[in-house]
């Protein structure tokens, strides 16, 4: 591991009490139960206490998950917008979006894993009672190319990293490390039928991104999705990035700097030892670049970002 990655921890420098939480984290008992944790934007979130659950483990230790991703979502989303969280897990990014788009906005949150969806619902209900946030519409659905039925492969040690598989794979994947769950499939075009523009869509669907995009073609072709944030372990170029560029998006690699997130050229070979490879596809390059020029970590301090004024 390069030392630069180890010391590039602004979540500790700007919130030093997290160092204590990091030390205390080593004493955490992983019981496959739940724990309530505090987030920097004033809300709490119920997390899984599983040793292999990367989201829960990160929130316990750092008070945040994937700072560069969090700050990117924070900066790009704005009050009054509609936002979409695909592969919402327990609702971490959903909470960021709901805080940012405020009461005048709306968040669609999709999570197909029944056990994880139950915790997502619990978190959303808690935010409804305690926070003046946007309406959050939750769906126990796997977004895909079209509606139907599908099978979800769920790693028993990390319920948040489930992935869709074909029915012919089901038998060979049943063992003591995985289970398979029947889920409902739907296309985003079928759910969001009006012409309301979407500001930010986050995609984390463990390799199923291209199918989700095909199921969103009407919205994409109409220019109704401004920013798409997604994981891509294939690097650049990939089928996902080629699809997005063909449909008018510009691709950036997201990177964690010390004083804020960075937009890098997508072909730049950047490898982080523990943070996932996230990308931004945007229709409004000038807006994204302007918002990323601001120095600091607004999400860590629950601060509203500067508003971009189109010239």
C-alpha atoms as a PDB file:
ATOM      1  CA  UNK A   1       0.000   0.000   0.000  1.00  0.00           C
ATOM      2  CA  UNK A   2       1.356   3.423  -0.921  1.00  0.00           C
ATOM      3  CA  UNK A   3       1.809   5.703   2.094  1.00  0.00           C
ATOM      4  CA  UNK A   4       0.027   8.514   0.246  1.00  0.00           C
ATOM      5  CA  UNK A   5      -3.202   6.486   0.374  1.00  0.00           C
ATOM      6  CA  UNK A   6      -2.762   5.666   4.049  1.00  0.00           C
ATOM      7  CA  UNK A   7      -2.252   9.308   5.073  1.00  0.00           C
ATOM      8  CA  UNK A   8      -4.854  10.759   2.701  1.00  0.00           C
ATOM      9  CA  UNK A   9      -7.544  10.656   5.381  1.00  0.00           C
ATOM     10  CA  UNK A  10      -9.279  14.059   5.557  1.00  0.00           C
ATOM     11  CA  UNK A  11     -12.132  12.368   7.406  1.00  0.00           C
ATOM     12  CA  UNK A  12      -9.704  12.123  10.359  1.00  0.00           C
ATOM     13  CA  UNK A  13      -7.989  15.516  10.074  1.00  0.00           C
ATOM     14  CA  UNK A  14     -11.207  17.519   9.793  1.00  0.00           C
ATOM     15  CA  UNK A  15     -13.124  15.348  12.286  1.00  0.00           C
ATOM     16  CA  UNK A  16     -10.435  14.248  14.774  1.00  0.00           C
ATOM     17  CA  UNK A  17     -12.940  12.534  17.068  1.00  0.00           C
ATOM     18  CA  UNK A  18     -13.098   9.866  14.357  1.00  0.00           C
ATOM     19  CA  UNK A  19      -9.608   8.749  15.379  1.00  0.00           C
ATOM     20  CA  UNK A  20     -11.054   7.676  18.713  1.00  0.00           C
ATOM     21  CA  UNK A  21     -13.887   5.919  16.886  1.00  0.00           C
ATOM     22  CA  UNK A  22     -11.327   4.165  14.691  1.00  0.00           C
ATOM     23  CA  UNK A  23      -9.460   2.872  17.754  1.00  0.00           C
ATOM     24  CA  UNK A  24     -12.704   1.888  19.438  1.00  0.00           C
ATOM     25  CA  UNK A  25     -13.795   0.206  16.190  1.00  0.00           C
ATOM     26  CA  UNK A  26     -11.199  -2.529  16.714  1.00  0.00           C
ATOM     27  CA  UNK A  27     -13.183  -3.610  19.784  1.00  0.00           C
ATOM     28  CA  UNK A  28     -16.497  -3.798  17.921  1.00  0.00           C
ATOM     29  CA  UNK A  29     -18.217  -7.147  18.266  1.00  0.00           C
ATOM     30  CA  UNK A  30     -19.577  -8.357  14.917  1.00  0.00           C
ATOM     31  CA  UNK A  31     -22.772 -10.163  15.823  1.00  0.00           C
ATOM     32  CA  UNK A  32     -24.759 -10.171  12.542  1.00  0.00           C
ATOM     33  CA  UNK A  33     -27.137  -7.779  14.279  1.00  0.00           C
ATOM     34  CA  UNK A  34     -27.728  -4.042  13.794  1.00  0.00           C
ATOM     35  CA  UNK A  35     -26.127  -0.904  15.162  1.00  0.00           C
ATOM     36  CA  UNK A  36     -27.211   2.727  14.929  1.00  0.00           C
ATOM     37  CA  UNK A  37     -24.520   5.161  13.796  1.00  0.00           C
ATOM     38  CA  UNK A  38     -24.403   8.938  13.328  1.00  0.00           C
ATOM     39  CA  UNK A  39     -23.717  10.590   9.966  1.00  0.00           C
ATOM     40  CA  UNK A  40     -22.102  14.036   9.483  1.00  0.00           C
ATOM     41  CA  UNK A  41     -25.304  15.575   8.077  1.00  0.00           C
ATOM     42  CA  UNK A  42     -27.174  15.144  11.346  1.00  0.00           C
ATOM     43  CA  UNK A  43     -28.992  11.872  10.780  1.00  0.00           C
ATOM     44  CA  UNK A  44     -28.553   8.362  12.121  1.00  0.00           C
ATOM     45  CA  UNK A  45     -28.445   5.149  10.118  1.00  0.00           C
ATOM     46  CA  UNK A  46     -28.933   1.513  11.101  1.00  0.00           C
ATOM     47  CA  UNK A  47     -26.098  -0.643   9.773  1.00  0.00           C
ATOM     48  CA  UNK A  48     -25.333  -4.356   9.632  1.00  0.00           C
ATOM     49  CA  UNK A  49     -22.727  -5.553  12.134  1.00  0.00           C
ATOM     50  CA  UNK A  50     -21.055  -7.969   9.725  1.00  0.00           C
ATOM     51  CA  UNK A  51     -17.270  -8.114   9.487  1.00  0.00           C
ATOM     52  CA  UNK A  52     -17.378  -8.305   5.673  1.00  0.00           C
ATOM     53  CA  UNK A  53     -19.955  -5.539   5.201  1.00  0.00           C
ATOM     54  CA  UNK A  54     -17.829  -2.735   3.766  1.00  0.00           C
ATOM     55  CA  UNK A  55     -20.454   0.008   4.166  1.00  0.00           C
ATOM     56  CA  UNK A  56     -21.232  -0.743   7.802  1.00  0.00           C
ATOM     57  CA  UNK A  57     -17.597  -1.308   8.730  1.00  0.00           C
ATOM     58  CA  UNK A  58     -16.568   2.006   7.158  1.00  0.00           C
ATOM     59  CA  UNK A  59     -19.333   3.975   8.875  1.00  0.00           C
ATOM     60  CA  UNK A  60     -18.398   2.505  12.263  1.00  0.00           C
ATOM     61  CA  UNK A  61     -14.715   3.377  11.814  1.00  0.00           C
ATOM     62  CA  UNK A  62     -14.894   6.664   9.883  1.00  0.00           C
ATOM     63  CA  UNK A  63     -18.422   7.966  10.339  1.00  0.00           C
ATOM     64  CA  UNK A  64     -18.735   7.974   6.550  1.00  0.00           C
ATOM     65  CA  UNK A  65     -18.484   5.625   3.574  1.00  0.00           C
ATOM     66  CA  UNK A  66     -16.284   6.382   0.539  1.00  0.00           C
ATOM     67  CA  UNK A  67     -15.650  10.077   1.095  1.00  0.00           C
ATOM     68  CA  UNK A  68     -14.991  10.896  -2.583  1.00  0.00           C
ATOM     69  CA  UNK A  69     -18.279   9.286  -3.633  1.00  0.00           C
ATOM     70  CA  UNK A  70     -20.155  10.985  -0.791  1.00  0.00           C
ATOM     71  CA  UNK A  71     -18.764  14.417  -1.627  1.00  0.00           C
ATOM     72  CA  UNK A  72     -19.474  13.927  -5.336  1.00  0.00           C
ATOM     73  CA  UNK A  73     -23.132  13.131  -4.640  1.00  0.00           C
ATOM     74  CA  UNK A  74     -23.268  16.076  -2.217  1.00  0.00           C
ATOM     75  CA  UNK A  75     -21.854  18.598  -4.701  1.00  0.00           C
ATOM     76  CA  UNK A  76     -23.752  17.513  -7.801  1.00  0.00           C
ATOM     77  CA  UNK A  77     -27.236  17.253  -6.269  1.00  0.00           C
ATOM     78  CA  UNK A  78     -29.224  20.416  -5.578  1.00  0.00           C
ATOM     79  CA  UNK A  79     -32.442  21.513  -3.821  1.00  0.00           C
ATOM     80  CA  UNK A  80     -35.653  20.770  -5.688  1.00  0.00           C
ATOM     81  CA  UNK A  81     -34.207  18.049  -7.914  1.00  0.00           C
ATOM     82  CA  UNK A  82     -35.320  14.472  -8.462  1.00  0.00           C
ATOM     83  CA  UNK A  83     -32.607  11.917  -7.643  1.00  0.00           C
ATOM     84  CA  UNK A  84     -32.317   8.147  -8.087  1.00  0.00           C
ATOM     85  CA  UNK A  85     -30.349   5.644  -5.970  1.00  0.00           C
ATOM     86  CA  UNK A  86     -30.048   2.294  -7.785  1.00  0.00           C
ATOM     87  CA  UNK A  87     -28.677  -0.434  -5.535  1.00  0.00           C
ATOM     88  CA  UNK A  88     -29.433   1.604  -2.439  1.00  0.00           C
ATOM     89  CA  UNK A  89     -28.257  -0.979   0.095  1.00  0.00           C
ATOM     90  CA  UNK A  90     -29.243   0.322   3.563  1.00  0.00           C
ATOM     91  CA  UNK A  91     -29.767   3.843   2.204  1.00  0.00           C
ATOM     92  CA  UNK A  92     -26.466   5.615   2.844  1.00  0.00           C
ATOM     93  CA  UNK A  93     -26.404   7.478  -0.494  1.00  0.00           C
ATOM     94  CA  UNK A  94     -30.184   7.849  -0.303  1.00  0.00           C
ATOM     95  CA  UNK A  95     -29.661   9.855   2.891  1.00  0.00           C
ATOM     96  CA  UNK A  96     -27.124  12.134   1.157  1.00  0.00           C
ATOM     97  CA  UNK A  97     -29.506  12.736  -1.744  1.00  0.00           C
ATOM     98  CA  UNK A  98     -32.503  13.351   0.523  1.00  0.00           C
ATOM     99  CA  UNK A  99     -30.540  15.877   2.586  1.00  0.00           C
ATOM    100  CA  UNK A 100     -29.347  17.718  -0.525  1.00  0.00           C
ATOM    101  CA  UNK A 101     -32.514  17.871  -2.647  1.00  0.00           C
ATOM    102  CA  UNK A 102     -34.466  19.007   0.448  1.00  0.00           C
ATOM    103  CA  UNK A 103     -38.232  19.143   0.927  1.00  0.00           C
ATOM    104  CA  UNK A 104     -38.882  20.393  -2.588  1.00  0.00           C
ATOM    105  CA  UNK A 105     -37.092  17.450  -4.211  1.00  0.00           C
ATOM    106  CA  UNK A 106     -37.715  13.723  -4.465  1.00  0.00           C
ATOM    107  CA  UNK A 107     -35.588  10.568  -4.148  1.00  0.00           C
ATOM    108  CA  UNK A 108     -36.286   7.166  -5.733  1.00  0.00           C
ATOM    109  CA  UNK A 109     -34.472   4.388  -3.861  1.00  0.00           C
ATOM    110  CA  UNK A 110     -34.185   0.813  -5.234  1.00  0.00           C
ATOM    111  CA  UNK A 111     -32.937  -2.228  -3.282  1.00  0.00           C
ATOM    112  CA  UNK A 112     -33.921  -5.786  -4.336  1.00  0.00           C
ATOM    113  CA  UNK A 113     -32.389  -7.818  -1.479  1.00  0.00           C
ATOM    114  CA  UNK A 114     -35.356  -8.434   0.880  1.00  0.00           C
ATOM    115  CA  UNK A 115     -33.260  -8.472   4.059  1.00  0.00           C
ATOM    116  CA  UNK A 116     -31.379  -5.295   3.141  1.00  0.00           C
ATOM    117  CA  UNK A 117     -34.574  -3.620   1.934  1.00  0.00           C
ATOM    118  CA  UNK A 118     -36.095  -4.169   5.375  1.00  0.00           C
ATOM    119  CA  UNK A 119     -33.266  -2.163   6.952  1.00  0.00           C
ATOM    120  CA  UNK A 120     -33.529   0.474   4.203  1.00  0.00           C
ATOM    121  CA  UNK A 121     -37.217   0.918   5.076  1.00  0.00           C
ATOM    122  CA  UNK A 122     -36.353   1.223   8.758  1.00  0.00           C
ATOM    123  CA  UNK A 123     -33.811   3.944   8.002  1.00  0.00           C
ATOM    124  CA  UNK A 124     -36.124   5.853   5.670  1.00  0.00           C
ATOM    125  CA  UNK A 125     -38.932   5.764   8.221  1.00  0.00           C
ATOM    126  CA  UNK A 126     -36.565   7.161  10.855  1.00  0.00           C
ATOM    127  CA  UNK A 127     -35.561  10.031   8.566  1.00  0.00           C
ATOM    128  CA  UNK A 128     -39.189  10.819   7.804  1.00  0.00           C
ATOM    129  CA  UNK A 129     -39.875  11.243  11.497  1.00  0.00           C
ATOM    130  CA  UNK A 130     -36.746  13.171  12.455  1.00  0.00           C
ATOM    131  CA  UNK A 131     -35.587  15.156   9.416  1.00  0.00           C
ATOM    132  CA  UNK A 132     -37.197  17.698   7.114  1.00  0.00           C
ATOM    133  CA  UNK A 133     -35.974  15.950   4.017  1.00  0.00           C
ATOM    134  CA  UNK A 134     -37.416  15.182   0.607  1.00  0.00           C
ATOM    135  CA  UNK A 135     -39.986  12.437   0.060  1.00  0.00           C
ATOM    136  CA  UNK A 136     -38.151   9.107  -0.368  1.00  0.00           C
ATOM    137  CA  UNK A 137     -39.900   6.522  -2.552  1.00  0.00           C
ATOM    138  CA  UNK A 138     -38.543   3.024  -1.891  1.00  0.00           C
ATOM    139  CA  UNK A 139     -38.863  -0.014  -4.173  1.00  0.00           C
ATOM    140  CA  UNK A 140     -37.937  -3.667  -3.373  1.00  0.00           C
ATOM    141  CA  UNK A 141     -36.994  -4.000  -7.027  1.00  0.00           C
ATOM    142  CA  UNK A 142     -33.947  -4.778  -9.154  1.00  0.00           C
ATOM    143  CA  UNK A 143     -33.746  -2.313 -12.015  1.00  0.00           C
ATOM    144  CA  UNK A 144     -32.918  -3.947 -15.325  1.00  0.00           C
ATOM    145  CA  UNK A 145     -33.547  -3.812 -19.070  1.00  0.00           C
ATOM    146  CA  UNK A 146     -37.237  -4.706 -18.722  1.00  0.00           C
ATOM    147  CA  UNK A 147     -39.771  -5.896 -16.161  1.00  0.00           C
ATOM    148  CA  UNK A 148     -39.969  -9.549 -15.160  1.00  0.00           C
ATOM    149  CA  UNK A 149     -38.530 -11.963 -12.605  1.00  0.00           C
ATOM    150  CA  UNK A 150     -34.894 -12.521 -11.710  1.00  0.00           C
ATOM    151  CA  UNK A 151     -32.543 -14.266  -9.298  1.00  0.00           C
ATOM    152  CA  UNK A 152     -30.275 -12.457  -6.865  1.00  0.00           C
ATOM    153  CA  UNK A 153     -27.073 -14.079  -5.618  1.00  0.00           C
ATOM    154  CA  UNK A 154     -26.439 -12.926  -2.040  1.00  0.00           C
ATOM    155  CA  UNK A 155     -23.052 -13.466  -0.323  1.00  0.00           C
ATOM    156  CA  UNK A 156     -23.933 -14.578   3.204  1.00  0.00           C
ATOM    157  CA  UNK A 157     -21.153 -12.498   4.768  1.00  0.00           C
ATOM    158  CA  UNK A 158     -21.924  -9.290   2.874  1.00  0.00           C
ATOM    159  CA  UNK A 159     -25.587  -8.825   2.068  1.00  0.00           C
ATOM    160  CA  UNK A 160     -24.942  -5.466   0.437  1.00  0.00           C
ATOM    161  CA  UNK A 161     -22.982  -6.941  -2.492  1.00  0.00           C
ATOM    162  CA  UNK A 162     -25.720  -9.075  -4.024  1.00  0.00           C
ATOM    163  CA  UNK A 163     -25.782  -9.428  -7.817  1.00  0.00           C
ATOM    164  CA  UNK A 164     -28.281 -10.571 -10.421  1.00  0.00           C
ATOM    165  CA  UNK A 165     -27.564 -13.930 -12.061  1.00  0.00           C
ATOM    166  CA  UNK A 166     -29.192 -16.003 -14.776  1.00  0.00           C
ATOM    167  CA  UNK A 167     -31.529 -18.797 -13.693  1.00  0.00           C
ATOM    168  CA  UNK A 168     -29.179 -21.433 -15.164  1.00  0.00           C
ATOM    169  CA  UNK A 169     -26.457 -20.323 -12.717  1.00  0.00           C
ATOM    170  CA  UNK A 170     -28.672 -20.775  -9.657  1.00  0.00           C
ATOM    171  CA  UNK A 171     -27.916 -24.416  -8.940  1.00  0.00           C
ATOM    172  CA  UNK A 172     -24.139 -24.121  -9.166  1.00  0.00           C
ATOM    173  CA  UNK A 173     -24.018 -21.124  -6.803  1.00  0.00           C
ATOM    174  CA  UNK A 174     -25.908 -22.598  -3.874  1.00  0.00           C
ATOM    175  CA  UNK A 175     -23.311 -23.313  -1.191  1.00  0.00           C
ATOM    176  CA  UNK A 176     -22.392 -22.258   2.320  1.00  0.00           C
ATOM    177  CA  UNK A 177     -21.181 -18.828   1.157  1.00  0.00           C
ATOM    178  CA  UNK A 178     -24.074 -17.747  -1.083  1.00  0.00           C
ATOM    179  CA  UNK A 179     -27.825 -17.974  -1.304  1.00  0.00           C
ATOM    180  CA  UNK A 180     -30.216 -17.158  -4.151  1.00  0.00           C
ATOM    181  CA  UNK A 181     -33.349 -15.043  -3.819  1.00  0.00           C
ATOM    182  CA  UNK A 182     -36.135 -14.504  -6.358  1.00  0.00           C
ATOM    183  CA  UNK A 183     -36.639 -10.788  -7.072  1.00  0.00           C
ATOM    184  CA  UNK A 184     -38.811  -8.526  -9.206  1.00  0.00           C
ATOM    185  CA  UNK A 185     -37.219  -6.764 -12.175  1.00  0.00           C
ATOM    186  CA  UNK A 186     -38.332  -3.413 -13.578  1.00  0.00           C
ATOM    187  CA  UNK A 187     -37.094  -0.772 -16.009  1.00  0.00           C
ATOM    188  CA  UNK A 188     -36.605   2.766 -14.736  1.00  0.00           C
ATOM    189  CA  UNK A 189     -38.503   4.034 -17.794  1.00  0.00           C
ATOM    190  CA  UNK A 190     -41.566   2.157 -16.520  1.00  0.00           C
ATOM    191  CA  UNK A 191     -41.385   3.654 -13.027  1.00  0.00           C
ATOM    192  CA  UNK A 192     -40.562   7.285 -13.779  1.00  0.00           C
ATOM    193  CA  UNK A 193     -43.100   7.970 -16.475  1.00  0.00           C
ATOM    194  CA  UNK A 194     -43.321  11.749 -16.243  1.00  0.00           C
ATOM    195  CA  UNK A 195     -40.872  14.135 -17.835  1.00  0.00           C
ATOM    196  CA  UNK A 196     -39.335  15.366 -14.574  1.00  0.00           C
ATOM    197  CA  UNK A 197     -35.580  15.739 -15.091  1.00  0.00           C
ATOM    198  CA  UNK A 198     -33.290  13.711 -12.834  1.00  0.00           C
ATOM    199  CA  UNK A 199     -30.312  15.563 -11.403  1.00  0.00           C
ATOM    200  CA  UNK A 200     -28.219  12.693 -10.035  1.00  0.00           C
ATOM    201  CA  UNK A 201     -28.508   8.937 -10.487  1.00  0.00           C
ATOM    202  CA  UNK A 202     -26.169   6.665  -8.526  1.00  0.00           C
ATOM    203  CA  UNK A 203     -25.597   3.144  -9.866  1.00  0.00           C
ATOM    204  CA  UNK A 204     -24.106   0.359  -7.736  1.00  0.00           C
ATOM    205  CA  UNK A 205     -25.483  -2.916  -9.063  1.00  0.00           C
ATOM    206  CA  UNK A 206     -22.458  -5.224  -9.129  1.00  0.00           C
ATOM    207  CA  UNK A 207     -21.977  -5.539 -12.891  1.00  0.00           C
ATOM    208  CA  UNK A 208     -25.593  -5.028 -13.989  1.00  0.00           C
ATOM    209  CA  UNK A 209     -25.125  -1.339 -14.867  1.00  0.00           C
ATOM    210  CA  UNK A 210     -25.544  -1.719 -18.632  1.00  0.00           C
ATOM    211  CA  UNK A 211     -28.915  -3.452 -18.254  1.00  0.00           C
ATOM    212  CA  UNK A 212     -30.111  -0.668 -15.938  1.00  0.00           C
ATOM    213  CA  UNK A 213     -29.053   1.936 -18.509  1.00  0.00           C
ATOM    214  CA  UNK A 214     -30.860   0.112 -21.313  1.00  0.00           C
ATOM    215  CA  UNK A 215     -33.966   0.153 -19.124  1.00  0.00           C
ATOM    216  CA  UNK A 216     -33.539   3.933 -18.773  1.00  0.00           C
ATOM    217  CA  UNK A 217     -33.133   4.664 -22.496  1.00  0.00           C
ATOM    218  CA  UNK A 218     -36.227   6.820 -22.832  1.00  0.00           C
ATOM    219  CA  UNK A 219     -35.066   9.083 -20.008  1.00  0.00           C
ATOM    220  CA  UNK A 220     -31.493   9.118 -21.319  1.00  0.00           C
ATOM    221  CA  UNK A 221     -32.467   9.832 -24.931  1.00  0.00           C
ATOM    222  CA  UNK A 222     -34.679  12.695 -23.766  1.00  0.00           C
ATOM    223  CA  UNK A 223     -31.750  14.205 -21.849  1.00  0.00           C
ATOM    224  CA  UNK A 224     -33.600  13.819 -18.546  1.00  0.00           C
ATOM    225  CA  UNK A 225     -30.686  12.373 -16.521  1.00  0.00           C
ATOM    226  CA  UNK A 226     -27.934  14.963 -16.009  1.00  0.00           C
ATOM    227  CA  UNK A 227     -25.344  13.103 -13.895  1.00  0.00           C
ATOM    228  CA  UNK A 228     -24.763   9.357 -13.474  1.00  0.00           C
ATOM    229  CA  UNK A 229     -22.316   8.126 -10.819  1.00  0.00           C
ATOM    230  CA  UNK A 230     -21.319   4.471 -11.172  1.00  0.00           C
ATOM    231  CA  UNK A 231     -18.778   1.813 -10.263  1.00  0.00           C
ATOM    232  CA  UNK A 232     -16.913   0.157 -13.129  1.00  0.00           C
ATOM    233  CA  UNK A 233     -14.328  -2.502 -12.353  1.00  0.00           C
ATOM    234  CA  UNK A 234     -13.589  -3.014 -16.060  1.00  0.00           C
ATOM    235  CA  UNK A 235     -11.905   0.367 -16.296  1.00  0.00           C
ATOM    236  CA  UNK A 236     -12.075   2.671 -19.299  1.00  0.00           C
ATOM    237  CA  UNK A 237     -13.227   2.108 -21.963  1.00  0.00           C
ATOM    238  CA  UNK A 238     -15.904  -0.411 -21.020  1.00  0.00           C
ATOM    239  CA  UNK A 239     -19.339  -1.339 -22.395  1.00  0.00           C
ATOM    240  CA  UNK A 240     -20.885   1.015 -19.824  1.00  0.00           C
ATOM    241  CA  UNK A 241     -18.696   4.019 -20.648  1.00  0.00           C
ATOM    242  CA  UNK A 242     -19.100   3.415 -24.400  1.00  0.00           C
ATOM    243  CA  UNK A 243     -22.899   3.349 -24.018  1.00  0.00           C
ATOM    244  CA  UNK A 244     -22.879   6.586 -22.041  1.00  0.00           C
ATOM    245  CA  UNK A 245     -20.531   8.417 -24.404  1.00  0.00           C
ATOM    246  CA  UNK A 246     -22.649   7.303 -27.354  1.00  0.00           C
ATOM    247  CA  UNK A 247     -25.628   8.934 -25.633  1.00  0.00           C
ATOM    248  CA  UNK A 248     -23.969  12.301 -25.103  1.00  0.00           C
ATOM    249  CA  UNK A 249     -22.212  11.946 -21.736  1.00  0.00           C
ATOM    250  CA  UNK A 250     -18.657  12.941 -20.845  1.00  0.00           C
ATOM    251  CA  UNK A 251     -16.863  10.497 -18.537  1.00  0.00           C
ATOM    252  CA  UNK A 252     -14.600  11.374 -15.603  1.00  0.00           C
ATOM    253  CA  UNK A 253     -12.789   9.159 -13.114  1.00  0.00           C
ATOM    254  CA  UNK A 254     -13.528  10.221  -9.538  1.00  0.00           C
ATOM    255  CA  UNK A 255     -10.530  10.487  -7.228  1.00  0.00           C
ATOM    256  CA  UNK A 256     -10.027  11.415  -3.597  1.00  0.00           C
ATOM    257  CA  UNK A 257      -7.705  14.373  -3.117  1.00  0.00           C
ATOM    258  CA  UNK A 258      -6.794  15.696   0.315  1.00  0.00           C
ATOM    259  CA  UNK A 259      -8.663  19.005  -0.058  1.00  0.00           C
ATOM    260  CA  UNK A 260     -11.598  17.659  -2.022  1.00  0.00           C
ATOM    261  CA  UNK A 261     -12.677  15.200  -4.727  1.00  0.00           C
ATOM    262  CA  UNK A 262     -11.018  15.370  -8.132  1.00  0.00           C
ATOM    263  CA  UNK A 263     -12.276  14.834 -11.672  1.00  0.00           C
ATOM    264  CA  UNK A 264      -9.633  12.891 -13.601  1.00  0.00           C
ATOM    265  CA  UNK A 265      -9.432  11.759 -17.215  1.00  0.00           C
ATOM    266  CA  UNK A 266     -11.160   8.365 -17.418  1.00  0.00           C
ATOM    267  CA  UNK A 267      -8.262   6.613 -19.150  1.00  0.00           C
ATOM    268  CA  UNK A 268      -5.830   7.543 -16.382  1.00  0.00           C
ATOM    269  CA  UNK A 269      -4.687   4.401 -14.583  1.00  0.00           C
ATOM    270  CA  UNK A 270      -5.667   5.080 -10.977  1.00  0.00           C
ATOM    271  CA  UNK A 271      -5.801   2.225  -8.504  1.00  0.00           C
ATOM    272  CA  UNK A 272      -6.812   2.676  -4.882  1.00  0.00           C
ATOM    273  CA  UNK A 273      -6.101  -0.165  -2.432  1.00  0.00           C
ATOM    274  CA  UNK A 274      -9.556  -0.165  -0.845  1.00  0.00           C
ATOM    275  CA  UNK A 275     -11.911   2.377  -2.412  1.00  0.00           C
ATOM    276  CA  UNK A 276     -13.971   1.228  -5.442  1.00  0.00           C
ATOM    277  CA  UNK A 277     -13.383   2.659  -8.945  1.00  0.00           C
ATOM    278  CA  UNK A 278     -16.118   5.277  -9.327  1.00  0.00           C
ATOM    279  CA  UNK A 279     -16.873   7.311 -12.426  1.00  0.00           C
ATOM    280  CA  UNK A 280     -19.033  10.303 -13.302  1.00  0.00           C
ATOM    281  CA  UNK A 281     -20.962  10.561 -16.559  1.00  0.00           C
ATOM    282  CA  UNK A 282     -22.331  14.067 -17.036  1.00  0.00           C
ATOM    283  CA  UNK A 283     -24.222  16.014 -19.675  1.00  0.00           C
ATOM    284  CA  UNK A 284     -23.153  19.328 -18.126  1.00  0.00           C
ATOM    285  CA  UNK A 285     -19.363  19.358 -17.996  1.00  0.00           C
ATOM    286  CA  UNK A 286     -19.019  23.050 -17.120  1.00  0.00           C
ATOM    287  CA  UNK A 287     -21.361  22.635 -14.153  1.00  0.00           C
ATOM    288  CA  UNK A 288     -19.504  19.603 -12.801  1.00  0.00           C
ATOM    289  CA  UNK A 289     -16.063  21.192 -13.213  1.00  0.00           C
ATOM    290  CA  UNK A 290     -17.242  24.388 -11.519  1.00  0.00           C
ATOM    291  CA  UNK A 291     -18.676  22.522  -8.531  1.00  0.00           C
ATOM    292  CA  UNK A 292     -15.508  20.442  -8.163  1.00  0.00           C
ATOM    293  CA  UNK A 293     -13.327  23.567  -8.150  1.00  0.00           C
ATOM    294  CA  UNK A 294     -14.538  24.361  -4.631  1.00  0.00           C
ATOM    295  CA  UNK A 295     -11.989  23.395  -1.972  1.00  0.00           C
ATOM    296  CA  UNK A 296     -13.015  21.387   1.079  1.00  0.00           C
ATOM    297  CA  UNK A 297     -15.332  18.598   2.148  1.00  0.00           C
ATOM    298  CA  UNK A 298     -18.816  20.077   2.439  1.00  0.00           C
ATOM    299  CA  UNK A 299     -20.400  16.742   3.346  1.00  0.00           C
ATOM    300  CA  UNK A 300     -18.175  16.332   6.418  1.00  0.00           C
ATOM    301  CA  UNK A 301     -19.503  19.603   7.838  1.00  0.00           C
ATOM    302  CA  UNK A 302     -23.101  19.408   6.584  1.00  0.00           C
ATOM    303  CA  UNK A 303     -22.554  22.575   4.547  1.00  0.00           C
ATOM    304  CA  UNK A 304     -24.479  23.552   1.440  1.00  0.00           C
ATOM    305  CA  UNK A 305     -22.265  23.969  -1.609  1.00  0.00           C
ATOM    306  CA  UNK A 306     -22.068  26.953  -3.895  1.00  0.00           C
ATOM    307  CA  UNK A 307     -24.843  27.051  -6.474  1.00  0.00           C
ATOM    308  CA  UNK A 308     -23.758  26.761 -10.085  1.00  0.00           C
ATOM    309  CA  UNK A 309     -25.057  29.520 -12.334  1.00  0.00           C
ATOM    310  CA  UNK A 310     -25.149  28.544 -15.990  1.00  0.00           C
ATOM    311  CA  UNK A 311     -23.579  31.268 -18.150  1.00  0.00           C
END
